[in-house]
Protein backbone atom coordinates (compact mmCIF):
# COMPACT_ATOMS: atom_id res chain seq x y z
CA MET A 1 -22.76 24.50 1.01
CA ARG A 2 -23.45 21.75 3.42
CA GLY A 3 -24.38 18.18 2.78
CA CYS A 4 -24.60 18.57 -1.04
CA GLU A 5 -23.25 16.69 -4.00
CA GLN A 6 -22.78 17.57 -7.65
CA THR A 7 -20.93 16.14 -10.57
CA ILE A 8 -19.61 17.92 -13.60
CA THR A 9 -22.57 16.79 -15.58
CA GLY A 10 -25.06 17.25 -12.75
CA ARG A 11 -25.97 13.51 -12.98
CA ARG A 12 -24.71 10.44 -11.40
CA ASP A 13 -24.27 8.53 -14.64
CA LEU A 14 -20.67 7.28 -14.27
CA LEU A 15 -20.39 4.80 -11.52
CA PRO A 16 -22.45 4.60 -8.36
CA GLY A 17 -21.04 6.93 -5.85
CA CYS A 18 -18.82 8.92 -8.29
CA VAL A 19 -18.33 12.65 -7.58
CA ARG A 20 -15.79 15.01 -9.00
CA VAL A 21 -12.46 15.41 -7.46
CA GLY A 22 -11.95 18.41 -5.17
CA LEU A 23 -14.83 20.50 -6.12
CA ALA A 24 -18.04 18.37 -5.96
CA SER A 25 -19.22 18.79 -2.58
CA CYS A 26 -18.46 19.76 0.92
CA ARG A 27 -19.77 19.04 4.46
CA ASP A 28 -19.15 20.60 7.81
CA ARG A 29 -16.92 18.06 9.73
CA THR A 30 -18.15 19.31 13.15
CA PRO A 31 -20.69 16.85 14.66
CA ARG A 32 -24.17 18.47 14.54
CA PRO A 33 -26.78 17.89 17.19
CA MET A 34 -29.96 16.19 16.14
CA ARG A 35 -33.14 16.39 18.22
CA ARG A 36 -35.24 13.44 18.84
CA GLY A 37 -37.92 14.54 21.20
CA PHE A 38 -36.04 15.92 24.16
CA ILE A 39 -32.93 13.90 23.55
CA VAL A 40 -30.04 15.51 21.90
CA ASP A 41 -27.53 13.18 20.10
CA LEU A 42 -24.33 14.01 18.16
CA ALA A 43 -23.85 12.44 14.73
CA HIS A 44 -20.86 12.51 12.40
CA VAL A 45 -20.80 11.09 8.86
CA HIS A 46 -17.24 10.46 7.66
CA PRO A 47 -16.85 10.62 3.82
CA ILE A 48 -14.12 8.39 2.26
CA GLY A 49 -13.02 9.16 -1.19
CA LEU A 50 -11.75 6.37 -3.37
CA LEU A 51 -9.27 7.51 -6.18
CA LEU A 52 -9.15 4.63 -8.55
CA GLY A 53 -7.88 3.38 -11.84
CA ALA A 54 -9.11 0.22 -13.66
CA GLU A 55 -9.66 -1.72 -10.48
CA GLU A 56 -13.19 -2.92 -9.66
CA ASP A 57 -12.81 -5.93 -7.30
CA TRP A 58 -11.32 -4.55 -4.12
CA PRO A 59 -13.32 -1.20 -4.32
CA HIS A 60 -16.48 -3.17 -4.57
CA ALA A 61 -15.27 -5.31 -1.50
CA PHE A 62 -14.36 -2.19 0.55
CA GLU A 63 -17.63 -0.58 -0.14
CA ALA A 64 -19.53 -3.71 0.74
CA ILE A 65 -17.51 -4.15 4.07
CA LEU A 66 -17.74 -0.44 4.91
CA ARG A 67 -21.56 -0.68 4.67
CA ARG A 68 -21.45 -3.58 7.26
CA VAL A 69 -19.58 -1.44 9.76
CA GLY A 70 -22.53 0.20 10.91
CA PRO A 71 -22.78 3.08 13.45
CA VAL A 72 -19.82 3.34 15.80
CA VAL A 73 -20.77 5.09 19.10
CA THR A 74 -17.78 6.43 21.01
CA THR A 75 -17.63 7.17 24.75
CA ASP A 76 -18.41 10.82 24.17
CA GLY A 77 -21.75 9.91 22.85
CA VAL A 78 -21.09 10.65 19.18
CA THR A 79 -22.58 8.29 16.51
CA HIS A 80 -20.13 7.88 13.68
CA THR A 81 -21.31 6.49 10.30
CA PHE A 82 -19.26 6.12 7.13
CA THR A 83 -19.85 6.56 3.37
CA SER A 84 -17.47 6.05 0.39
CA GLU A 85 -17.59 7.73 -3.14
CA ARG A 86 -15.56 7.16 -6.10
CA LEU A 87 -13.76 10.18 -7.26
CA THR A 88 -13.69 11.63 -10.73
CA ILE A 89 -11.13 13.89 -12.30
CA GLU A 90 -11.49 17.59 -13.54
CA PRO A 91 -10.10 21.12 -13.16
CA PHE A 92 -10.16 22.26 -9.40
CA ASP A 93 -9.49 25.63 -7.76
CA LEU A 94 -6.84 25.52 -5.00
CA THR A 95 -9.36 27.04 -2.67
CA ASP A 96 -12.20 24.59 -3.32
CA PRO A 97 -13.49 22.80 -0.25
CA VAL A 98 -12.91 19.04 0.11
CA ARG A 99 -15.68 17.12 1.78
CA TYR A 100 -13.55 13.86 2.23
CA GLU A 101 -11.91 13.28 5.50
CA LEU A 102 -9.84 10.43 4.13
CA VAL A 103 -8.91 9.36 0.51
CA ILE A 104 -7.45 6.03 -0.48
CA ASP A 105 -5.25 6.70 -3.52
CA ARG A 106 -4.59 4.07 -6.28
CA LEU A 107 -3.85 6.49 -9.13
CA ALA A 108 -1.53 9.36 -8.25
CA HIS A 109 1.79 7.33 -8.42
CA TRP A 110 1.46 7.72 -12.29
CA TYR A 111 -1.33 10.28 -12.91
CA TYR A 112 -0.10 13.67 -12.00
CA HIS A 113 -3.37 15.65 -12.04
CA PRO A 114 -4.95 13.98 -9.21
CA ARG A 115 -1.59 13.72 -7.39
CA GLU A 116 -1.50 17.39 -7.33
CA TRP A 117 -5.11 17.55 -6.06
CA LEU A 118 -4.06 15.17 -3.21
CA LYS A 119 -1.33 17.52 -2.21
CA LYS A 120 -3.79 20.43 -2.19
CA ALA A 121 -6.21 18.34 -0.17
CA ALA A 122 -3.52 17.47 2.47
CA LEU A 123 -1.96 20.95 2.64
CA VAL A 124 -5.07 23.15 2.48
CA ASN A 125 -7.94 21.02 3.92
CA GLY A 126 -6.23 18.57 6.15
CA THR A 127 -7.51 15.45 4.31
CA TYR A 128 -6.01 12.07 5.53
CA LEU A 129 -4.30 10.18 2.67
CA LEU A 130 -3.48 6.53 2.08
CA ASN A 131 -0.86 7.33 0.81
CA SER A 132 0.61 10.71 0.91
CA PRO A 133 2.26 11.67 -2.46
CA PHE A 134 4.69 13.89 -0.52
CA THR A 135 6.83 10.89 0.34
CA PHE A 136 6.08 8.62 -2.60
CA GLN A 137 7.06 11.35 -5.11
CA SER A 138 10.49 11.92 -3.61
CA MET A 139 11.08 8.78 -1.53
CA GLU A 140 10.91 5.98 -4.08
CA LYS A 141 12.73 2.71 -4.00
CA HIS A 142 16.14 4.18 -4.34
CA SER A 143 15.43 6.40 -1.22
CA ALA A 144 14.18 3.48 0.63
CA TYR A 145 17.40 1.54 -0.05
CA CYS A 146 19.23 4.50 1.29
CA ALA A 147 17.18 4.92 4.31
CA MET A 148 17.43 1.17 5.16
CA LEU A 149 21.24 1.24 4.72
CA ARG A 150 21.48 4.32 7.07
CA LEU A 151 19.39 2.35 9.58
CA GLY A 152 21.74 -0.65 9.30
CA LEU A 153 19.47 -2.99 7.57
CA LYS A 154 20.86 -5.73 5.46
CA VAL A 155 20.14 -4.40 1.97
CA PRO A 156 22.00 -6.36 -0.89
CA ARG A 157 24.74 -4.29 -2.56
CA THR A 158 23.07 -1.91 -5.04
CA VAL A 159 24.64 0.21 -7.68
CA LEU A 160 22.99 3.03 -9.79
CA VAL A 161 24.01 3.42 -13.27
CA PRO A 162 23.40 6.30 -15.77
CA TYR A 163 20.62 6.16 -18.34
CA LYS A 164 21.42 4.00 -21.56
CA ASN A 165 19.61 6.47 -23.77
CA PRO A 166 19.66 10.16 -23.54
CA VAL A 167 16.87 11.86 -21.76
CA ASP A 168 14.56 14.14 -23.64
CA ASN A 169 16.13 17.45 -22.70
CA ASP A 170 17.98 19.96 -24.88
CA ARG A 171 20.70 20.22 -22.24
CA TRP A 172 21.57 16.61 -22.04
CA ALA A 173 24.03 16.56 -24.90
CA PRO A 174 26.37 19.40 -23.58
CA THR A 175 25.92 18.23 -19.93
CA SER A 176 26.71 14.60 -20.66
CA ALA A 177 29.68 15.54 -22.95
CA LYS A 178 31.28 17.71 -20.33
CA TYR A 179 30.52 15.63 -17.05
CA ASN A 180 29.32 11.95 -17.90
CA LEU A 181 32.29 9.82 -17.44
CA PRO A 182 32.57 6.44 -19.31
CA PHE A 183 32.06 3.41 -17.15
CA ASP A 184 32.49 -0.31 -17.50
CA LEU A 185 29.21 -2.03 -16.84
CA SER A 186 30.67 -5.47 -17.13
CA ALA A 187 33.18 -4.71 -14.38
CA ILE A 188 30.48 -3.49 -12.17
CA ALA A 189 28.46 -6.47 -12.61
CA ALA A 190 31.27 -8.78 -12.15
CA ASP A 191 32.18 -7.13 -8.78
CA LEU A 192 28.44 -7.59 -7.71
CA GLY A 193 28.61 -11.05 -8.94
CA TYR A 194 26.04 -13.15 -11.02
CA PRO A 195 23.18 -13.72 -10.84
CA LEU A 196 22.07 -10.13 -10.21
CA TYR A 197 18.96 -8.10 -10.90
CA MET A 198 18.58 -5.03 -12.98
CA LYS A 199 15.39 -2.90 -12.14
CA PRO A 200 14.33 0.81 -12.31
CA PHE A 201 15.30 2.96 -9.38
CA ASP A 202 11.65 3.84 -8.96
CA GLY A 203 10.08 0.52 -9.83
CA GLY A 204 6.39 -0.38 -9.98
CA GLY A 205 4.46 -3.57 -11.11
CA TRP A 206 7.70 -5.43 -11.89
CA ARG A 207 8.30 -2.94 -14.91
CA GLY A 208 11.84 -3.43 -16.39
CA VAL A 209 12.97 -6.08 -13.81
CA SER A 210 15.47 -8.44 -15.27
CA ARG A 211 17.30 -11.40 -13.65
CA ILE A 212 20.70 -11.26 -15.17
CA GLU A 213 22.88 -14.59 -15.32
CA ASN A 214 25.75 -13.53 -17.45
CA GLU A 215 27.38 -10.66 -19.34
CA ASP A 216 25.38 -11.14 -22.50
CA GLU A 217 22.10 -10.87 -20.58
CA LEU A 218 23.53 -7.81 -18.73
CA HIS A 219 24.18 -5.69 -21.88
CA SER A 220 20.91 -6.86 -23.57
CA ALA A 221 18.86 -5.71 -20.64
CA TYR A 222 20.70 -2.42 -20.29
CA ASN A 223 20.17 -1.73 -24.06
CA GLU A 224 16.54 -2.35 -23.59
CA SER A 225 16.25 0.02 -20.41
CA GLY A 226 16.20 3.10 -22.67
CA GLU A 227 15.39 6.15 -20.59
CA MET A 228 14.75 4.19 -17.35
CA LEU A 229 17.31 4.82 -14.69
CA MET A 230 18.42 1.50 -13.51
CA HIS A 231 19.90 -0.28 -10.40
CA LEU A 232 22.03 -3.28 -10.47
CA GLN A 233 21.45 -5.19 -7.38
CA ALA A 234 23.31 -8.27 -6.13
CA THR A 235 21.30 -11.19 -4.88
CA VAL A 236 21.98 -13.17 -1.79
CA PRO A 237 21.66 -16.97 -1.04
CA HIS A 238 18.14 -17.29 0.19
CA GLU A 239 15.53 -19.99 1.01
CA LYS A 240 12.41 -17.87 0.70
CA PHE A 241 11.25 -14.77 -1.15
CA ALA A 242 8.64 -13.11 1.13
CA ARG A 243 6.16 -10.31 0.42
CA ALA A 244 4.59 -8.27 3.23
CA LEU A 245 1.45 -6.29 2.72
CA SER A 246 1.01 -3.58 5.33
CA ILE A 247 -1.99 -1.37 6.05
CA GLY A 248 -1.56 0.87 8.98
CA PRO A 249 -0.08 -1.22 11.87
CA GLU A 250 -1.33 -4.45 10.19
CA THR A 251 1.16 -6.56 8.28
CA MET A 252 0.74 -9.87 6.51
CA VAL A 253 3.98 -11.69 5.43
CA MET A 254 3.26 -14.03 2.61
CA ASP A 255 5.28 -16.70 0.79
CA PHE A 256 5.83 -15.11 -2.54
CA ARG A 257 6.88 -17.19 -5.64
CA ALA A 258 8.02 -14.53 -8.10
CA GLU A 259 8.70 -17.06 -10.97
CA LYS A 260 5.14 -18.25 -10.99
CA PRO A 261 2.23 -16.70 -12.93
CA MET A 262 0.47 -13.92 -10.90
CA HIS A 263 -2.56 -16.17 -9.71
CA SER A 264 -0.07 -18.53 -8.18
CA ARG A 265 2.53 -16.18 -6.70
CA TYR A 266 1.06 -15.96 -3.28
CA ALA A 267 1.43 -19.49 -1.57
CA VAL A 268 -0.93 -20.31 1.38
CA SER A 269 1.73 -21.16 3.82
CA HIS A 270 1.55 -20.12 7.42
CA ASP A 271 4.88 -21.33 8.80
CA PHE A 272 7.23 -20.86 5.90
CA LEU A 273 9.54 -18.58 8.00
CA SER A 274 11.24 -19.12 11.32
CA PRO A 275 9.64 -17.31 14.28
CA THR A 276 12.68 -14.97 14.39
CA ALA A 277 12.56 -14.35 10.71
CA GLY A 278 8.86 -13.70 10.82
CA GLU A 279 9.17 -11.20 13.60
CA ARG A 280 12.04 -9.41 11.87
CA ALA A 281 9.98 -9.19 8.61
CA VAL A 282 7.03 -7.76 10.34
CA ALA A 283 9.17 -5.22 12.37
CA ILE A 284 11.23 -4.04 9.33
CA SER A 285 8.12 -3.51 7.27
CA ARG A 286 6.52 -1.49 10.16
CA VAL A 287 9.64 0.44 10.78
CA VAL A 288 10.22 1.45 7.09
CA ASN A 289 6.55 2.35 6.73
CA ALA A 290 6.63 4.52 9.69
CA PHE A 291 9.85 6.08 8.74
CA PHE A 292 8.41 7.23 5.44
CA GLY A 293 4.86 7.80 6.61
CA TRP A 294 3.46 5.13 4.28
CA GLU A 295 0.29 3.38 5.45
CA PHE A 296 -0.65 1.25 2.47
CA ASN A 297 2.43 -0.43 1.10
CA SER A 298 4.07 -3.70 0.22
CA ALA A 299 7.56 -4.92 0.63
CA GLU A 300 9.65 -7.73 -0.63
CA MET A 301 12.52 -9.47 1.13
CA LEU A 302 14.92 -12.38 0.73
CA VAL A 303 15.09 -14.67 3.73
CA GLN A 304 17.90 -17.03 4.67
CA GLY A 305 17.42 -18.77 8.02
CA ASP A 306 16.70 -16.02 10.49
CA GLU A 307 18.26 -13.27 8.25
CA VAL A 308 16.02 -10.85 6.30
CA TYR A 309 17.29 -8.97 3.40
CA PRO A 310 14.99 -6.05 2.17
CA ILE A 311 15.04 -5.61 -1.54
CA ASP A 312 11.96 -3.57 -2.36
CA TYR A 313 10.20 -1.34 0.16
CA ALA A 314 8.20 1.32 -1.83
CA ASN A 315 4.92 0.28 -3.50
CA ALA A 316 2.65 3.28 -3.61
CA CYS A 317 -0.15 1.16 -5.22
CA PRO A 318 0.26 -2.42 -3.62
CA ASP A 319 -1.42 -5.41 -5.24
CA VAL A 320 -4.73 -6.11 -3.59
CA ALA A 321 -6.50 -7.83 -6.40
CA VAL A 322 -8.58 -10.84 -5.54
CA THR A 323 -6.98 -12.72 -8.29
CA SER A 324 -3.61 -12.28 -6.74
CA LEU A 325 -4.14 -12.30 -3.05
CA HIS A 326 -7.14 -14.69 -3.16
CA TYR A 327 -6.80 -16.45 0.28
CA TYR A 328 -5.50 -13.28 1.86
CA PHE A 329 -7.95 -11.00 0.15
CA PRO A 330 -10.58 -10.81 2.94
CA TRP A 331 -7.87 -9.90 5.49
CA ALA A 332 -6.56 -7.01 3.29
CA ILE A 333 -9.96 -5.53 2.75
CA LYS A 334 -10.85 -5.96 6.42
CA ALA A 335 -7.60 -4.32 7.34
CA LEU A 336 -8.15 -1.42 4.95
CA VAL A 337 -11.72 -0.78 6.27
CA ARG A 338 -10.61 -1.04 9.96
CA TRP A 339 -7.65 1.36 9.69
CA SER A 340 -9.57 3.98 7.66
CA VAL A 341 -12.43 3.81 10.32
CA TYR A 342 -9.92 4.04 13.12
CA CYS A 343 -8.19 7.16 11.56
CA LEU A 344 -11.56 8.79 10.98
CA VAL A 345 -13.27 8.31 14.38
CA THR A 346 -10.13 8.99 16.45
CA GLY A 347 -9.24 12.10 14.59
CA ARG A 348 -5.71 10.77 13.70
CA PRO A 349 -3.91 13.84 12.28
CA ALA A 350 -2.35 13.59 8.87
CA LYS A 351 1.51 14.08 9.20
CA VAL A 352 3.87 15.37 6.58
CA ASP A 353 7.06 15.83 8.60
CA LEU A 354 8.86 12.57 9.23
CA GLN A 355 11.16 13.16 12.14
CA THR A 356 13.83 10.93 10.68
CA GLU A 357 16.44 12.16 13.19
CA ARG A 358 14.97 9.86 15.87
CA TYR A 359 15.76 6.77 13.76
CA PHE A 360 19.23 8.18 13.03
CA ALA A 361 19.99 8.71 16.64
CA ILE A 362 19.44 4.96 17.27
CA ALA A 363 21.46 4.12 14.12
CA ASP A 364 24.31 5.99 15.53
CA ASP A 365 24.18 4.51 19.06
CA PRO A 366 27.22 2.30 19.40
CA SER A 367 25.73 0.72 22.50
CA LEU A 368 23.12 -1.09 20.32
CA ASP A 369 23.50 -4.18 18.32
CA ASP A 370 21.39 -4.92 15.26
CA ASP A 371 18.61 -6.61 17.23
CA GLY A 372 18.59 -3.71 19.71
CA LYS A 373 18.40 -1.08 17.02
CA LEU A 374 15.55 -2.95 15.31
CA ALA A 375 13.68 -3.15 18.71
CA ALA A 376 14.23 0.62 19.18
CA TYR A 377 13.04 1.42 15.65
CA LEU A 378 10.03 -0.77 16.20
CA LYS A 379 9.06 1.19 19.37
CA ILE A 380 9.04 4.42 17.32
CA ALA A 381 7.06 2.76 14.63
CA ASP A 382 4.50 1.52 17.02
CA GLU A 383 4.12 5.03 18.45
CA HIS A 384 3.71 6.23 15.07
CA PHE A 385 0.92 3.79 14.19
CA GLU A 386 -0.54 3.83 17.68
CA THR A 387 -0.40 0.05 17.38
CA GLU A 388 -1.56 -0.79 20.90
CA ARG A 389 -4.31 1.89 20.93
CA TYR A 390 -5.39 0.65 17.64
CA TRP A 391 -5.96 -2.99 18.52
CA GLU A 392 -7.61 -1.93 21.79
CA TRP A 393 -9.94 0.47 19.88
CA CYS A 394 -10.89 -2.05 17.42
CA ALA A 395 -11.62 -4.66 20.12
CA THR A 396 -14.02 -2.21 21.73
CA HIS A 397 -15.66 -0.56 18.57
CA LEU A 398 -15.45 -3.18 15.89
CA PRO A 399 -15.79 -6.51 17.48
CA HIS A 400 -18.40 -7.62 14.95
CA LEU A 401 -16.20 -6.84 11.78
CA ASP A 402 -14.58 -10.39 11.63
CA GLU A 403 -17.99 -11.90 11.48
CA GLN A 404 -19.45 -9.49 9.03
CA VAL A 405 -16.36 -10.02 6.69
CA LEU A 406 -16.86 -13.86 6.95
CA ASP A 407 -20.47 -13.49 6.12
CA TRP A 408 -19.87 -11.31 3.13
CA VAL A 409 -17.17 -13.54 1.73
CA THR A 410 -19.78 -16.38 1.81
CA SER A 411 -22.50 -14.18 0.20
CA THR A 412 -23.76 -14.06 -3.40
CA ASP A 413 -22.28 -10.60 -3.71
CA PHE A 414 -18.87 -11.75 -3.18
CA ASP A 415 -19.47 -14.57 -5.66
CA ARG A 416 -20.75 -12.23 -8.13
CA MET A 417 -17.65 -9.96 -7.63
CA LEU A 418 -15.27 -12.74 -8.18
CA LYS A 419 -16.87 -14.02 -11.26
CA ASP A 420 -17.00 -10.60 -12.82
CA THR A 421 -13.33 -10.08 -12.04
CA VAL A 422 -12.21 -13.63 -13.25
CA ARG A 423 -14.30 -13.03 -16.58
CA ALA A 424 -12.58 -9.58 -16.99
CA THR A 425 -9.11 -10.89 -16.35
CA TYR A 426 -8.87 -14.20 -18.19
CA PRO A 427 -9.90 -15.63 -21.60
CA GLU A 428 -13.28 -16.95 -21.84
CA HIS A 429 -12.05 -20.59 -22.29
CA GLU A 430 -10.05 -20.33 -19.07
CA ALA A 431 -12.53 -18.57 -16.87
CA THR A 432 -14.21 -21.53 -15.36
CA GLU A 433 -10.82 -23.16 -14.50
CA PHE A 434 -9.54 -19.92 -12.78
CA LEU A 435 -12.84 -19.44 -11.03
CA ASP A 436 -12.60 -22.78 -9.50
CA HIS A 437 -9.03 -22.11 -8.51
CA PHE A 438 -9.87 -18.89 -6.69
CA HIS A 439 -13.02 -20.26 -5.13
CA GLY A 440 -10.98 -23.19 -3.70
CA LEU A 441 -8.53 -20.78 -2.08
CA VAL A 442 -11.14 -18.45 -0.80
CA ASP A 443 -13.21 -21.39 0.66
CA LEU A 444 -10.00 -22.50 2.44
CA TRP A 445 -9.78 -19.03 4.02
CA VAL A 446 -13.44 -19.35 5.07
CA ILE A 447 -12.64 -22.68 6.81
CA ASP A 448 -9.64 -21.31 8.53
CA GLU A 449 -11.25 -17.99 9.60
CA GLY A 450 -14.28 -19.79 10.98
CA ALA A 451 -11.97 -22.19 13.08
CA ARG A 452 -9.96 -19.08 14.28
CA MET A 453 -13.12 -17.24 15.35
CA ARG A 454 -14.48 -20.20 17.17
CA ALA A 455 -11.14 -20.66 18.93
CA ASP A 456 -11.18 -17.07 20.16
């Protein structure tokens, strides 16, 4: 079957662009000649699949900007165009064809059925994934801490403690009775020092995260942890809490105020870190993402002067909501479109093997100090993400994208999307206030982006 589409109901009655996961349709990926008179062209349509949960704002934005990319003509004469479709979920045969060359996943970190389809799509069909479930299933926050420590990065002291409540397994009672040793939670916390943080080893959406100021809060938080496996993590003196959103080789480091409500957590502050700390934050983010093969990820770090302390580097479904990112939302969508298009047109292969021994060889090199090791790690990361080639390619083939994104953000379509998102997120009596809040921040981006483009 070529160029065909079908849903489980035979109708497109769910959402515009919805097709069923895995089975729905297929298309030969080989560019096919199209005759126009006596001229033979090559045309390639690249389908992108969006595997979504409850989100509507960024998918709408992604679809709108992708439509504005237009045809990309490469030096070999091939004309590349792009489509996006929202995936639905149903049974699939492991031998079913997959028509999507790239899938952006926002669901599989908690929904196992589509996660297993993604594994099949990657292993059997060579589908490019943002992100690969192979690493995020086994390499969660705990593994990220271990990897960063192995690379010599400054992770605050962290202790993993056993479950508070028994796990739901018949083997738990005899196993724990025989092998689980008693431990002194208070002594561990005292050794780490207060304040400290208790948080799940796999994390996600600030679920179960507690700031612990004293022994009473420690035991209260541990009692409430139930069957969550928890870390205790020391804090360090810091001036700034930074959050970095990375998409491919692009990273935006933002001033993050964790104590604020979500709509105010990201401060619009361009020089809140020293140049050295800013460079280290970007470098560490890119290195960790390349190490694990993560291409759509956010990271958190504490910053004191020029020192950067990573505290969370594994977010399989990073926050890209317009009501969170506001000022930074246009950049995030542009970067996501830009990286997706680059991967598709250049035929960037999906990679499952991580080649971590390259990093470990640097970590074990006694001739390198911390800065020397970070520079060497970054060289490998830039090779992984093809950073130099990426920016050169974008300058050649997507020079119009900045203007198109700016035009869309000032359009009635964006305004409609923002209004719909605010009304769906906040109580009716607060909607106008929040709409004005987000409009003001996005309008500031419009002013700054226009000035940047004129300066270029």
